[in-house]
Protein backbone atom coordinates (compact mmCIF):
# COMPACT_ATOMS: atom_id res chain seq x y z
CA MET A 1 0.00 0.00 0.00
CA LEU A 2 1.38 3.40 -1.00
CA GLY A 3 -0.93 5.45 1.16
CA THR A 4 -4.41 6.46 2.18
CA ALA A 5 -6.47 9.61 2.07
CA ARG A 6 -9.72 10.62 3.73
CA SER A 7 -12.36 11.58 1.14
CA VAL A 8 -14.70 14.54 1.55
CA ASN A 9 -17.34 11.97 2.62
CA GLY A 10 -15.05 10.66 5.37
CA ALA A 11 -14.14 7.33 3.74
CA LEU A 12 -10.53 6.13 3.96
CA ILE A 13 -9.40 5.67 0.32
CA ARG A 14 -6.49 3.28 -0.36
CA LEU A 15 -3.86 3.77 -3.04
CA THR A 16 -2.29 0.34 -3.55
CA ALA A 17 0.96 -0.46 -5.34
CA GLU A 18 -1.02 -2.39 -7.97
CA ARG A 19 -3.26 0.60 -8.72
CA TRP A 20 -0.31 3.00 -8.76
CA THR A 21 1.45 0.77 -11.30
CA HIS A 22 -1.72 0.85 -13.42
CA VAL A 23 -1.91 4.66 -13.18
CA THR A 24 1.72 5.27 -14.07
CA GLU A 25 1.75 2.73 -16.92
CA GLU A 26 -1.24 4.46 -18.53
CA HIS A 27 -0.25 8.01 -17.55
CA CYS A 28 3.54 8.18 -17.21
CA GLU A 29 3.36 11.93 -16.57
CA LEU A 30 1.98 11.10 -13.10
CA ALA A 31 5.11 9.20 -11.99
CA GLY A 32 6.29 10.86 -8.81
CA LEU A 33 2.90 12.46 -8.09
CA SER A 34 1.41 9.88 -5.69
CA TYR A 35 1.32 12.47 -2.90
CA GLU A 36 -0.63 14.86 -5.15
CA VAL A 37 -3.08 12.06 -5.99
CA LEU A 38 -3.78 11.46 -2.30
CA GLU A 39 -3.95 15.21 -1.65
CA SER A 40 -6.53 15.56 -4.45
CA ILE A 41 -8.78 13.08 -2.65
CA GLU A 42 -8.42 14.88 0.68
CA SER A 43 -8.58 18.45 -0.63
CA PRO A 44 -10.31 18.53 -4.02
CA GLU A 45 -11.65 21.67 -5.59
CA VAL A 46 -14.66 19.70 -6.79
CA VAL A 47 -15.98 16.12 -6.79
CA TYR A 48 -18.20 14.77 -9.57
CA GLN A 49 -20.31 11.61 -9.79
CA GLY A 50 -19.05 9.00 -12.26
CA LEU A 51 -21.21 6.97 -14.59
CA ALA A 52 -20.90 3.71 -12.62
CA GLY A 53 -20.94 4.90 -9.00
CA GLU A 54 -17.34 6.08 -8.86
CA LEU A 55 -16.32 9.58 -7.79
CA LEU A 56 -13.97 11.96 -9.61
CA ALA A 57 -12.00 14.38 -7.44
CA ALA A 58 -10.43 17.27 -9.38
CA ARG A 59 -7.80 19.75 -8.28
CA GLN A 60 -5.85 22.28 -10.33
CA LEU A 61 -2.10 21.57 -10.21
CA VAL A 62 -0.96 24.45 -12.40
CA PRO A 63 -3.07 27.08 -14.19
CA GLY A 64 -5.25 25.29 -16.70
CA LYS A 65 -4.15 21.74 -15.81
CA PHE A 66 -6.18 19.55 -13.47
CA LEU A 67 -5.39 16.29 -11.71
CA VAL A 68 -8.45 14.03 -11.67
CA VAL A 69 -8.53 11.04 -9.31
CA VAL A 70 -11.18 8.40 -9.92
CA TYR A 71 -12.05 6.39 -6.82
CA ARG A 72 -14.81 4.26 -5.38
CA GLU A 73 -16.19 4.32 -1.86
CA GLN A 74 -17.10 0.70 -1.14
CA THR A 75 -18.68 1.60 2.18
CA ALA A 76 -19.04 4.80 4.18
CA GLU A 77 -15.72 3.93 5.84
CA GLU A 78 -13.45 2.72 3.02
CA GLY A 79 -12.68 2.70 -0.67
CA PHE A 80 -9.90 2.59 -3.25
CA VAL A 81 -8.34 4.54 -6.13
CA ILE A 82 -9.28 3.30 -9.59
CA THR A 83 -7.12 5.60 -11.72
CA ALA A 84 -5.90 9.17 -12.10
CA PHE A 85 -5.06 11.44 -15.01
CA LEU A 86 -4.20 15.01 -15.97
CA THR A 87 -6.52 17.08 -18.14
CA ARG A 88 -7.07 20.57 -19.44
CA ARG A 89 -10.65 19.67 -20.41
CA ILE A 90 -12.35 20.38 -17.11
CA ARG A 91 -15.50 21.41 -18.98
CA GLN A 92 -16.07 17.74 -19.87
CA LEU A 93 -16.25 16.90 -16.17
CA GLU A 94 -18.57 19.82 -15.47
CA LYS A 95 -21.27 18.00 -17.47
CA ARG A 96 -21.46 15.43 -14.67
CA ARG A 97 -23.40 15.85 -11.43
CA LYS A 98 -21.37 17.75 -8.86
CA VAL A 99 -21.48 16.06 -5.46
CA TRP A 100 -19.06 18.33 -3.60
CA PRO A 101 -19.14 21.17 -2.75
CA ARG A 102 -22.91 21.25 -2.80
């Protein structure tokens, strides 16, 4: 396990070594940013609802570039990271239902 972060809903979200390998193989630009991934879960600017029950936490890293962390809360107490990516297309996420802040 690489680390955990408390989501805005209070669930403890795990970032496992297996998931981090998946993230960095698909998005090599995130190598070295595991702390920022966990920080985005704990202190997002906004959280959107995914299409299959997952949540997407977004936080701006530099002007115009956002880190998006996709995670699932299995219960009210725990969950896990699915993936993460960088995007400049925040407008695409804004089409989803915003769950935080309300």
